[in-house]
Amino acid sequence: MVVANVVRDFNIENTHIKIADNYCRKTAIEVEQLLKRIAEQVQRHYVAAAAAGNYEEIKTKKKFV
């Protein structure tokens, strides 16, 4: 059995939340592959939005911090 490495433990109202990083430990190569995959998905999303004429709506809808 894998023991969770809890890095955050908090409550939001009556919900208890625990965040573990057991599956977050990656090599530099795995991180690069993951970032490349994410970038490709985002690019496809924005190309599709631009083709549909929704680019400005998506760009202003949600900003990531």
Protein backbone atom coordinates (compact mmCIF):
# COMPACT_ATOMS: atom_id res chain seq x y z
CA MET A 1 0.00 0.00 0.00
CA VAL A 2 1.31 3.44 -0.98
CA VAL A 3 1.34 6.00 1.81
CA ALA A 4 0.18 9.43 0.69
CA ASN A 5 2.69 12.26 0.99
CA VAL A 6 0.22 14.96 2.05
CA VAL A 7 1.55 18.42 1.22
CA ARG A 8 -1.63 20.41 1.99
CA ASP A 9 -4.37 19.63 4.46
CA PHE A 10 -7.21 22.12 4.92
CA ASN A 11 -10.95 22.62 5.19
CA ILE A 12 -13.36 24.57 3.03
CA GLU A 13 -16.57 24.88 5.03
CA ASN A 14 -17.49 21.27 5.90
CA THR A 15 -15.17 19.65 3.30
CA HIS A 16 -11.81 18.25 4.39
CA ILE A 17 -9.21 18.41 1.60
CA LYS A 18 -5.87 16.64 1.48
CA ILE A 19 -3.48 17.16 -1.43
CA ALA A 20 -0.75 14.58 -1.94
CA ASP A 21 2.19 14.81 -4.34
CA ASN A 22 2.91 11.10 -4.72
CA TYR A 23 2.36 11.19 -8.47
CA CYS A 24 3.92 14.62 -9.01
CA ARG A 25 7.53 13.53 -8.78
CA LYS A 26 8.78 13.53 -12.35
CA THR A 27 12.12 13.51 -14.11
CA ALA A 28 13.14 16.50 -16.22
CA ILE A 29 12.35 14.52 -19.38
CA GLU A 30 8.85 13.61 -18.10
CA VAL A 31 8.20 17.26 -17.23
CA GLU A 32 9.27 18.39 -20.72
CA GLN A 33 7.02 15.78 -22.35
CA LEU A 34 4.10 16.78 -20.14
CA LEU A 35 4.55 20.50 -20.88
CA LYS A 36 4.81 19.80 -24.60
CA ARG A 37 1.58 17.79 -24.51
CA ILE A 38 -0.19 20.57 -22.60
CA ALA A 39 1.09 23.22 -25.04
CA GLU A 40 -0.14 21.18 -28.02
CA GLN A 41 -3.60 20.79 -26.46
CA VAL A 42 -3.85 24.51 -25.66
CA GLN A 43 -2.71 25.42 -29.16
CA ARG A 44 -5.37 23.15 -30.72
CA HIS A 45 -7.98 24.70 -28.42
CA TYR A 46 -7.11 28.27 -29.43
CA VAL A 47 -6.89 27.41 -33.14
CA ALA A 48 -10.35 25.84 -32.96
CA ALA A 49 -11.68 28.86 -31.04
CA ALA A 50 -10.18 31.29 -33.56
CA ALA A 51 -11.67 29.30 -36.46
CA ALA A 52 -15.08 29.47 -34.79
CA GLY A 53 -14.69 33.19 -34.08
CA ASN A 54 -14.64 32.69 -30.29
CA TYR A 55 -11.00 33.55 -29.58
CA GLU A 56 -11.64 36.84 -27.75
CA GLU A 57 -14.40 35.25 -25.66
CA ILE A 58 -12.13 32.39 -24.54
CA LYS A 59 -9.12 34.67 -23.99
CA THR A 60 -11.05 36.89 -21.56
CA LYS A 61 -13.17 34.15 -19.93
CA LYS A 62 -10.52 32.67 -17.63
CA LYS A 63 -7.04 33.78 -16.73
CA PHE A 64 -4.60 31.39 -15.11
CA VAL A 65 -2.48 32.52 -12.18
